[in-house]
C-alpha atoms as a PDB file:
ATOM      1  CA  GLY A   1     -45.949   5.223  47.775  1.00  0.00           C
ATOM      2  CA  LEU A   2     -47.316   7.475  45.003  1.00  0.00           C
ATOM      3  CA  TRP A   3     -49.914   8.906  47.392  1.00  0.00           C
ATOM      4  CA  LYS A   4     -47.095  11.060  48.843  1.00  0.00           C
ATOM      5  CA  LEU A   5     -46.513  12.593  45.417  1.00  0.00           C
ATOM      6  CA  THR A   6     -47.955  15.997  46.402  1.00  0.00           C
ATOM      7  CA  ASP A   7     -45.284  16.421  49.084  1.00  0.00           C
ATOM      8  CA  MET A   8     -42.436  16.136  46.582  1.00  0.00           C
ATOM      9  CA  PRO A   9     -41.096  19.454  45.227  1.00  0.00           C
ATOM     10  CA  ILE A  10     -40.188  17.811  41.918  1.00  0.00           C
ATOM     11  CA  ALA A  11     -43.859  16.851  41.407  1.00  0.00           C
ATOM     12  CA  THR A  12     -44.971  20.482  41.714  1.00  0.00           C
ATOM     13  CA  PHE A  13     -42.244  21.443  39.255  1.00  0.00           C
ATOM     14  CA  LEU A  14     -43.409  18.856  36.691  1.00  0.00           C
ATOM     15  CA  ILE A  15     -47.165  19.372  37.148  1.00  0.00           C
ATOM     16  CA  ASN A  16     -48.001  22.933  38.053  1.00  0.00           C
ATOM     17  CA  LYS A  17     -51.556  22.043  39.067  1.00  0.00           C
ATOM     18  CA  PRO A  18     -51.915  21.392  42.801  1.00  0.00           C
ATOM     19  CA  LEU A  19     -55.471  20.022  42.424  1.00  0.00           C
ATOM     20  CA  VAL A  20     -54.346  17.404  39.885  1.00  0.00           C
ATOM     21  CA  LEU A  21     -51.466  16.361  42.135  1.00  0.00           C
ATOM     22  CA  SER A  22     -53.753  16.157  45.132  1.00  0.00           C
ATOM     23  CA  ASN A  23     -56.258  13.997  43.216  1.00  0.00           C
ATOM     24  CA  ILE A  24     -53.525  11.639  41.978  1.00  0.00           C
ATOM     25  CA  SER A  25     -52.285  11.279  45.540  1.00  0.00           C
ATOM     26  CA  LEU A  26     -55.722  10.568  47.005  1.00  0.00           C
ATOM     27  CA  VAL A  27     -56.671   8.114  44.241  1.00  0.00           C
ATOM     28  CA  CYS A  28     -53.423   6.183  44.861  1.00  0.00           C
ATOM     29  CA  LEU A  29     -54.186   6.121  48.584  1.00  0.00           C
ATOM     30  CA  SER A  30     -57.655   4.660  47.970  1.00  0.00           C
ATOM     31  CA  LEU A  31     -56.158   1.987  45.677  1.00  0.00           C
ATOM     32  CA  MET A  32     -53.433   1.049  48.154  1.00  0.00           C
ATOM     33  CA  VAL A  33     -55.405  -1.473  50.238  1.00  0.00           C
ATOM     34  CA  PRO A  34     -56.221  -4.096  47.549  1.00  0.00           C
ATOM     35  CA  SER A  35     -52.688  -4.074  46.155  1.00  0.00           C
ATOM     36  CA  PHE A  36     -51.007  -4.207  49.565  1.00  0.00           C
ATOM     37  CA  VAL A  37     -53.257  -7.037  50.802  1.00  0.00           C
ATOM     38  CA  LEU A  38     -52.453  -9.015  47.625  1.00  0.00           C
ATOM     39  CA  TYR A  39     -48.772  -8.455  48.374  1.00  0.00           C
ATOM     40  CA  ILE A  40     -48.700  -9.368  52.070  1.00  0.00           C
ATOM     41  CA  ARG A  41     -50.912 -12.441  51.517  1.00  0.00           C
ATOM     42  CA  ASN A  42     -48.029 -14.057  49.613  1.00  0.00           C
ATOM     43  CA  HIS A  43     -45.926 -14.089  52.799  1.00  0.00           C
ATOM     44  CA  PHE A  44     -48.436 -16.204  54.713  1.00  0.00           C
ATOM     45  CA  MET A  45     -48.920 -19.953  54.777  1.00  0.00           C
ATOM     46  CA  ARG A  46     -52.696 -19.444  54.927  1.00  0.00           C
ATOM     47  CA  LYS A  47     -53.243 -17.820  51.539  1.00  0.00           C
ATOM     48  CA  ASP A  48     -56.604 -19.482  50.888  1.00  0.00           C
ATOM     49  CA  TYR A  49     -58.549 -17.875  53.753  1.00  0.00           C
ATOM     50  CA  MET A  50     -61.594 -16.042  52.356  1.00  0.00           C
ATOM     51  CA  VAL A  51     -60.931 -13.065  54.651  1.00  0.00           C
ATOM     52  CA  TRP A  52     -58.120 -12.070  52.271  1.00  0.00           C
ATOM     53  CA  ASN A  53     -60.499 -12.053  49.300  1.00  0.00           C
ATOM     54  CA  TYR A  54     -63.197 -10.166  51.234  1.00  0.00           C
ATOM     55  CA  THR A  55     -60.691  -7.486  52.240  1.00  0.00           C
ATOM     56  CA  ILE A  56     -59.395  -7.120  48.671  1.00  0.00           C
ATOM     57  CA  LEU A  57     -62.929  -6.969  47.215  1.00  0.00           C
ATOM     58  CA  THR A  58     -64.111  -4.458  49.831  1.00  0.00           C
ATOM     59  CA  GLY A  59     -61.056  -2.293  49.150  1.00  0.00           C
ATOM     60  CA  GLU A  60     -61.827  -2.304  45.423  1.00  0.00           C
ATOM     61  CA  VAL A  61     -65.501  -1.417  46.053  1.00  0.00           C
ATOM     62  CA  ILE A  62     -64.488   1.450  48.369  1.00  0.00           C
ATOM     63  CA  ALA A  63     -62.003   2.750  45.768  1.00  0.00           C
ATOM     64  CA  VAL A  64     -64.705   2.739  43.060  1.00  0.00           C
ATOM     65  CA  LEU A  65     -67.196   4.363  45.447  1.00  0.00           C
ATOM     66  CA  VAL A  66     -64.717   7.146  46.204  1.00  0.00           C
ATOM     67  CA  MET A  67     -64.310   7.807  42.446  1.00  0.00           C
ATOM     68  CA  ILE A  68     -68.085   7.868  41.915  1.00  0.00           C
ATOM     69  CA  LEU A  69     -68.665  10.262  44.843  1.00  0.00           C
ATOM     70  CA  HIS A  70     -65.984  12.538  43.418  1.00  0.00           C
ATOM     71  CA  MET A  71     -67.317  12.382  39.834  1.00  0.00           C
ATOM     72  CA  PHE A  72     -70.860  13.345  40.904  1.00  0.00           C
ATOM     73  CA  GLY A  73     -69.634  16.121  43.180  1.00  0.00           C
ATOM     74  CA  ILE A  74     -71.079  14.526  46.335  1.00  0.00           C
ATOM     75  CA  TRP A  75     -67.703  14.397  48.121  1.00  0.00           C
ATOM     76  CA  ASP A  76     -64.358  15.620  47.010  1.00  0.00           C
ATOM     77  CA  LEU A  77     -61.465  13.218  47.377  1.00  0.00           C
ATOM     78  CA  ARG A  78     -60.221  14.823  50.580  1.00  0.00           C
ATOM     79  CA  GLU A  79     -63.639  14.443  52.217  1.00  0.00           C
ATOM     80  CA  SER A  80     -63.629  10.756  51.253  1.00  0.00           C
ATOM     81  CA  LEU A  81     -60.348  10.202  53.134  1.00  0.00           C
ATOM     82  CA  ILE A  82     -62.391   8.815  56.014  1.00  0.00           C
ATOM     83  CA  LEU A  83     -63.384   5.856  53.793  1.00  0.00           C
ATOM     84  CA  SER A  84     -59.778   5.192  52.741  1.00  0.00           C
ATOM     85  CA  HIS A  85     -58.602   5.392  56.343  1.00  0.00           C
ATOM     86  CA  ALA A  86     -61.390   3.053  57.498  1.00  0.00           C
ATOM     87  CA  MET A  87     -60.310   0.561  54.840  1.00  0.00           C
ATOM     88  CA  ILE A  88     -56.678   0.834  55.948  1.00  0.00           C
ATOM     89  CA  LEU A  89     -57.743   0.131  59.545  1.00  0.00           C
ATOM     90  CA  ALA A  90     -59.743  -2.888  58.318  1.00  0.00           C
ATOM     91  CA  MET A  91     -56.627  -4.109  56.475  1.00  0.00           C
ATOM     92  CA  ILE A  92     -54.557  -3.660  59.644  1.00  0.00           C
ATOM     93  CA  PHE A  93     -57.138  -5.601  61.664  1.00  0.00           C
ATOM     94  CA  VAL A  94     -57.198  -8.480  59.133  1.00  0.00           C
ATOM     95  CA  GLY A  95     -53.402  -8.469  58.914  1.00  0.00           C
ATOM     96  CA  THR A  96     -53.087  -8.579  62.710  1.00  0.00           C
ATOM     97  CA  VAL A  97     -55.555 -11.469  63.042  1.00  0.00           C
ATOM     98  CA  MET A  98     -53.753 -13.425  60.318  1.00  0.00           C
ATOM     99  CA  LEU A  99     -50.387 -12.732  61.963  1.00  0.00           C
ATOM    100  CA  ILE A 100     -51.716 -14.136  65.246  1.00  0.00           C
ATOM    101  CA  LEU A 101     -53.092 -17.241  63.477  1.00  0.00           C
ATOM    102  CA  GLU A 102     -49.821 -17.702  61.618  1.00  0.00           C
ATOM    103  CA  THR A 103     -47.834 -17.398  64.845  1.00  0.00           C
ATOM    104  CA  LYS A 104     -50.058 -19.919  66.612  1.00  0.00           C
ATOM    105  CA  LYS A 105     -49.772 -22.362  63.740  1.00  0.00           C
ATOM    106  CA  GLY A 106     -46.252 -23.383  64.630  1.00  0.00           C
ATOM    107  CA  GLN A 107     -42.626 -22.899  63.721  1.00  0.00           C
ATOM    108  CA  LEU A 108     -41.859 -19.643  61.965  1.00  0.00           C
ATOM    109  CA  SER A 109     -38.958 -19.344  59.556  1.00  0.00           C
ATOM    110  CA  LYS A 110     -36.420 -16.553  59.991  1.00  0.00           C
ATOM    111  CA  ARG A 111     -37.687 -14.846  56.833  1.00  0.00           C
ATOM    112  CA  LEU A 112     -41.300 -14.968  58.031  1.00  0.00           C
ATOM    113  CA  LYS A 113     -40.305 -13.556  61.429  1.00  0.00           C
ATOM    114  CA  ILE A 114     -38.602 -10.615  59.687  1.00  0.00           C
ATOM    115  CA  THR A 115     -41.640 -10.170  57.431  1.00  0.00           C
ATOM    116  CA  ILE A 116     -43.994 -10.185  60.430  1.00  0.00           C
ATOM    117  CA  PHE A 117     -41.824  -7.626  62.261  1.00  0.00           C
ATOM    118  CA  CYS A 118     -41.766  -5.345  59.198  1.00  0.00           C
ATOM    119  CA  LEU A 119     -45.524  -5.670  58.594  1.00  0.00           C
ATOM    120  CA  ILE A 120     -46.240  -4.807  62.239  1.00  0.00           C
ATOM    121  CA  ALA A 121     -43.961  -1.743  61.908  1.00  0.00           C
ATOM    122  CA  CYS A 122     -45.816  -0.660  58.726  1.00  0.00           C
ATOM    123  CA  MET A 123     -49.247  -1.149  60.335  1.00  0.00           C
ATOM    124  CA  LEU A 124     -48.260   0.722  63.500  1.00  0.00           C
ATOM    125  CA  GLY A 125     -46.788   3.484  61.322  1.00  0.00           C
ATOM    126  CA  ALA A 126     -50.070   3.776  59.417  1.00  0.00           C
ATOM    127  CA  VAL A 127     -52.057   4.080  62.670  1.00  0.00           C
ATOM    128  CA  ILE A 128     -49.653   6.697  64.051  1.00  0.00           C
ATOM    129  CA  ASP A 129     -49.800   8.680  60.798  1.00  0.00           C
ATOM    130  CA  MET A 130     -53.620   8.672  60.819  1.00  0.00           C
ATOM    131  CA  ILE A 131     -53.680   9.870  64.432  1.00  0.00           C
ATOM    132  CA  ILE A 132     -51.225  12.666  63.557  1.00  0.00           C
ATOM    133  CA  PHE A 133     -53.343  13.588  60.512  1.00  0.00           C
ATOM    134  CA  TYR A 134     -56.603  13.907  62.473  1.00  0.00           C
ATOM    135  CA  ILE A 135     -54.866  15.931  65.190  1.00  0.00           C
ATOM    136  CA  SER A 136     -52.789  18.255  62.982  1.00  0.00           C
ATOM    137  CA  LYS A 137     -54.652  17.982  59.624  1.00  0.00           C
ATOM    138  CA  ASP A 138     -51.206  17.998  58.038  1.00  0.00           C
ATOM    139  CA  THR A 139     -50.636  15.287  55.436  1.00  0.00           C
ATOM    140  CA  GLY A 140     -46.984  16.318  55.133  1.00  0.00           C
ATOM    141  CA  ALA A 141     -46.331  14.959  58.626  1.00  0.00           C
ATOM    142  CA  MET A 142     -47.414  11.434  57.620  1.00  0.00           C
ATOM    143  CA  MET A 143     -43.964   9.932  57.346  1.00  0.00           C
ATOM    144  CA  VAL A 144     -43.817   7.129  59.937  1.00  0.00           C
ATOM    145  CA  CYS A 145     -45.521   4.518  57.746  1.00  0.00           C
ATOM    146  CA  LEU A 146     -43.407   5.495  54.728  1.00  0.00           C
ATOM    147  CA  LEU A 147     -40.173   5.180  56.691  1.00  0.00           C
ATOM    148  CA  ALA A 148     -41.269   1.790  58.044  1.00  0.00           C
ATOM    149  CA  PHE A 149     -42.180   0.631  54.549  1.00  0.00           C
ATOM    150  CA  LEU A 150     -38.882   1.936  53.140  1.00  0.00           C
ATOM    151  CA  ALA A 151     -37.033  -0.119  55.767  1.00  0.00           C
ATOM    152  CA  TYR A 152     -39.213  -3.099  54.816  1.00  0.00           C
ATOM    153  CA  VAL A 153     -38.367  -2.715  51.118  1.00  0.00           C
ATOM    154  CA  VAL A 154     -34.624  -2.495  51.854  1.00  0.00           C
ATOM    155  CA  ILE A 155     -34.708  -5.563  54.126  1.00  0.00           C
ATOM    156  CA  MET A 156     -36.786  -7.640  51.691  1.00  0.00           C
ATOM    157  CA  GLY A 157     -34.543  -6.528  48.828  1.00  0.00           C
ATOM    158  CA  TYR A 158     -31.488  -7.707  50.740  1.00  0.00           C
ATOM    159  CA  LEU A 159     -33.144 -11.062  51.559  1.00  0.00           C
ATOM    160  CA  SER A 160     -34.208 -11.509  47.931  1.00  0.00           C
ATOM    161  CA  VAL A 161     -30.656 -10.897  46.677  1.00  0.00           C
ATOM    162  CA  LYS A 162     -29.344 -13.318  49.303  1.00  0.00           C
ATOM    163  CA  ASP A 163     -31.925 -15.978  48.313  1.00  0.00           C
ATOM    164  CA  THR A 164     -31.127 -15.482  44.627  1.00  0.00           C
ATOM    165  CA  LYS A 165     -27.429 -16.014  45.334  1.00  0.00           C
ATOM    166  CA  ILE A 166     -28.195 -19.245  47.239  1.00  0.00           C
ATOM    167  CA  LEU A 167     -30.446 -20.475  44.411  1.00  0.00           C
ATOM    168  CA  MET A 168     -27.741 -19.726  41.839  1.00  0.00           C
ATOM    169  CA  GLU A 169     -25.192 -21.656  43.893  1.00  0.00           C
ATOM    170  CA  LYS A 170     -27.613 -24.591  44.214  1.00  0.00           C
ATOM    171  CA  GLY A 171     -28.244 -24.419  40.478  1.00  0.00           C
ATOM    172  CA  LYS A 172     -24.517 -24.563  39.768  1.00  0.00           C
ATOM    173  CA  GLU A 173     -24.183 -27.483  42.162  1.00  0.00           C
ATOM    174  CA  ALA A 174     -27.087 -29.307  40.475  1.00  0.00           C
ATOM    175  CA  ASP A 175     -25.528 -28.663  37.056  1.00  0.00           C
ATOM    176  CA  HIS A 176     -22.242 -30.051  38.338  1.00  0.00           C
ATOM    177  CA  TYR A 177     -23.873 -33.260  39.611  1.00  0.00           C
ATOM    178  CA  GLU A 178     -25.854 -33.624  36.389  1.00  0.00           C
ATOM    179  CA  GLN A 179     -22.614 -33.189  34.449  1.00  0.00           C
ATOM    180  CA  MET A 180     -20.982 -35.903  36.571  1.00  0.00           C
ATOM    181  CA  ALA A 181     -23.979 -38.231  36.158  1.00  0.00           C
ATOM    182  CA  MET A 182     -24.113 -37.897  32.382  1.00  0.00           C
ATOM    183  CA  HIS A 183     -20.401 -37.656  31.502  1.00  0.00           C
ATOM    184  CA  ASP A 184     -17.546 -40.110  31.520  1.00  0.00           C
ATOM    185  CA  ASP A 185     -14.765 -38.928  33.821  1.00  0.00           C
ATOM    186  CA  LEU A 186     -11.893 -40.327  31.787  1.00  0.00           C
ATOM    187  CA  SER A 187     -12.835 -39.273  28.266  1.00  0.00           C
ATOM    188  CA  GLY A 188     -15.018 -36.238  29.003  1.00  0.00           C
ATOM    189  CA  LEU A 189     -17.642 -37.566  26.559  1.00  0.00           C
ATOM    190  CA  TYR A 190     -21.215 -38.500  27.420  1.00  0.00           C
ATOM    191  CA  ASN A 191     -21.488 -41.850  29.238  1.00  0.00           C
ATOM    192  CA  ARG A 192     -23.687 -44.938  28.974  1.00  0.00           C
ATOM    193  CA  THR A 193     -26.373 -43.387  31.219  1.00  0.00           C
ATOM    194  CA  PHE A 194     -26.744 -40.507  28.772  1.00  0.00           C
ATOM    195  CA  TYR A 195     -26.720 -42.979  25.862  1.00  0.00           C
ATOM    196  CA  SER A 196     -29.617 -44.972  27.365  1.00  0.00           C
ATOM    197  CA  GLU A 197     -31.566 -41.796  28.165  1.00  0.00           C
ATOM    198  CA  TYR A 198     -30.975 -40.438  24.666  1.00  0.00           C
ATOM    199  CA  LEU A 199     -32.300 -43.640  23.063  1.00  0.00           C
ATOM    200  CA  ARG A 200     -35.332 -43.512  25.349  1.00  0.00           C
ATOM    201  CA  ARG A 201     -36.176 -39.932  24.381  1.00  0.00           C
ATOM    202  CA  HIS A 202     -35.553 -40.220  20.637  1.00  0.00           C
ATOM    203  CA  ASN A 203     -37.032 -42.844  18.393  1.00  0.00           C
ATOM    204  CA  LEU A 204     -34.075 -43.271  16.048  1.00  0.00           C
ATOM    205  CA  LYS A 205     -36.057 -45.520  13.701  1.00  0.00           C
ATOM    206  CA  ASN A 206     -38.433 -42.705  12.809  1.00  0.00           C
ATOM    207  CA  GLU A 207     -35.755 -40.156  12.007  1.00  0.00           C
ATOM    208  CA  GLU A 208     -32.802 -39.856   9.676  1.00  0.00           C
ATOM    209  CA  ASN A 209     -29.811 -40.874  11.751  1.00  0.00           C
ATOM    210  CA  PHE A 210     -26.239 -41.881  11.146  1.00  0.00           C
ATOM    211  CA  VAL A 211     -24.663 -43.994  13.884  1.00  0.00           C
ATOM    212  CA  VAL A 212     -20.902 -44.429  14.123  1.00  0.00           C
ATOM    213  CA  VAL A 213     -19.557 -47.166  16.418  1.00  0.00           C
ATOM    214  CA  PHE A 214     -15.884 -47.427  17.434  1.00  0.00           C
ATOM    215  CA  ASP A 215     -13.752 -49.618  19.589  1.00  0.00           C
ATOM    216  CA  VAL A 216     -10.109 -49.027  20.498  1.00  0.00           C
ATOM    217  CA  ASN A 217      -7.882 -51.767  19.088  1.00  0.00           C
ATOM    218  CA  GLU A 218      -5.383 -53.486  21.413  1.00  0.00           C
ATOM    219  CA  LEU A 219      -6.472 -51.533  24.528  1.00  0.00           C
ATOM    220  CA  LYS A 220      -5.941 -54.627  26.704  1.00  0.00           C
ATOM    221  CA  THR A 221      -2.475 -55.189  25.225  1.00  0.00           C
ATOM    222  CA  CYS A 222      -1.614 -51.534  25.912  1.00  0.00           C
ATOM    223  CA  ASN A 223      -2.756 -51.875  29.545  1.00  0.00           C
ATOM    224  CA  ASP A 224      -0.856 -55.173  30.026  1.00  0.00           C
ATOM    225  CA  THR A 225       2.442 -54.063  28.453  1.00  0.00           C
ATOM    226  CA  LEU A 226       2.634 -50.301  29.089  1.00  0.00           C
ATOM    227  CA  GLY A 227       0.400 -49.961  32.153  1.00  0.00           C
ATOM    228  CA  HIS A 228      -3.088 -48.536  32.785  1.00  0.00           C
ATOM    229  CA  GLU A 229      -1.893 -44.932  32.664  1.00  0.00           C
ATOM    230  CA  ALA A 230      -0.874 -45.479  29.049  1.00  0.00           C
ATOM    231  CA  GLY A 231      -4.238 -47.196  28.397  1.00  0.00           C
ATOM    232  CA  ASP A 232      -6.057 -44.218  29.910  1.00  0.00           C
ATOM    233  CA  LYS A 233      -4.070 -41.837  27.709  1.00  0.00           C
ATOM    234  CA  LEU A 234      -4.992 -43.941  24.660  1.00  0.00           C
ATOM    235  CA  ILE A 235      -8.699 -43.632  25.557  1.00  0.00           C
ATOM    236  CA  ARG A 236      -8.370 -39.857  26.120  1.00  0.00           C
ATOM    237  CA  ASP A 237      -6.551 -39.384  22.800  1.00  0.00           C
ATOM    238  CA  CYS A 238      -9.166 -41.412  20.909  1.00  0.00           C
ATOM    239  CA  ALA A 239     -11.958 -39.434  22.636  1.00  0.00           C
ATOM    240  CA  LYS A 240     -10.275 -36.163  21.616  1.00  0.00           C
ATOM    241  CA  ILE A 241     -10.116 -37.273  17.964  1.00  0.00           C
ATOM    242  CA  ILE A 242     -13.787 -38.334  18.032  1.00  0.00           C
ATOM    243  CA  ARG A 243     -14.846 -35.079  19.727  1.00  0.00           C
ATOM    244  CA  ASN A 244     -12.901 -32.878  17.320  1.00  0.00           C
ATOM    245  CA  THR A 245     -14.383 -34.724  14.358  1.00  0.00           C
ATOM    246  CA  PHE A 246     -18.025 -35.133  15.336  1.00  0.00           C
ATOM    247  CA  GLU A 247     -18.962 -32.937  18.316  1.00  0.00           C
ATOM    248  CA  THR A 248     -20.390 -30.075  16.241  1.00  0.00           C
ATOM    249  CA  GLU A 249     -22.592 -32.511  14.314  1.00  0.00           C
ATOM    250  CA  GLY A 250     -23.890 -34.955  16.941  1.00  0.00           C
ATOM    251  CA  LYS A 251     -23.598 -36.609  20.340  1.00  0.00           C
ATOM    252  CA  CYS A 252     -20.319 -38.346  21.218  1.00  0.00           C
ATOM    253  CA  MET A 253     -20.425 -41.068  23.886  1.00  0.00           C
ATOM    254  CA  ARG A 254     -18.173 -43.613  25.555  1.00  0.00           C
ATOM    255  CA  ILE A 255     -20.455 -46.513  26.427  1.00  0.00           C
ATOM    256  CA  GLY A 256     -17.905 -49.097  27.594  1.00  0.00           C
ATOM    257  CA  GLY A 257     -14.215 -49.701  28.296  1.00  0.00           C
ATOM    258  CA  ASP A 258     -13.061 -49.302  24.680  1.00  0.00           C
ATOM    259  CA  GLU A 259     -16.432 -48.644  23.003  1.00  0.00           C
ATOM    260  CA  PHE A 260     -17.515 -45.298  21.597  1.00  0.00           C
ATOM    261  CA  VAL A 261     -20.701 -44.240  19.788  1.00  0.00           C
ATOM    262  CA  VAL A 262     -21.573 -41.109  17.851  1.00  0.00           C
ATOM    263  CA  ILE A 263     -25.192 -40.402  16.850  1.00  0.00           C
ATOM    264  CA  LEU A 264     -25.650 -37.883  14.056  1.00  0.00           C
ATOM    265  CA  ARG A 265     -29.311 -36.857  13.697  1.00  0.00           C
ATOM    266  CA  HIS A 266     -30.824 -35.672  10.386  1.00  0.00           C
END
């Protein structure tokens, strides 16, 4: 969007050199095609088609050619606008062909449909702006493409925020399931699955480790005489003592009915 810089009053205030502003604007316009093609290619399933690379490379060559023509005084940047516009039309043609191929390929997701609609709006806006420019010779009137692109940015921004929210919720859900898979419900400590995985990942023989093994005395008697709720409370109380004592130093696990293990590394 920097190619519209010359039409902004604040730009004239900051840089009181119209020629410099005009050159910045025209250089940005000539560099637009490679960057925009790189961007829109990411929305397509067919990213590996060589036509994308040819369009990007041609756009870069045209941009360099425009600079060289300007440096040697052969054309000024405004006279070279025809090259930039031709490249934009080539980009629109390639984009249209790829959109048709993508549509023919099969089922389109909702996001891709929105992307296609926005890209078509941007391309039509660019064509309309170029027609207006060659009729009126007024670059200030070239606003259709910018408005279409602004709408595109807002829509894609909204979709990105929405997708990020969904991903965060899925991440929380995955964390929750991982927590359930690796933790013992009753004691809140790591479970036997975690214990087995931990032993698989760490070779305890090759490191300095201190292993503490516990079992809860008379758990069966407690369950038989006072009931399982009392037995569960006994396990929770023992787990709390173990956690308070060792959690900052190592991994605390309940690996069986009344069996606990703590592994202190180094």
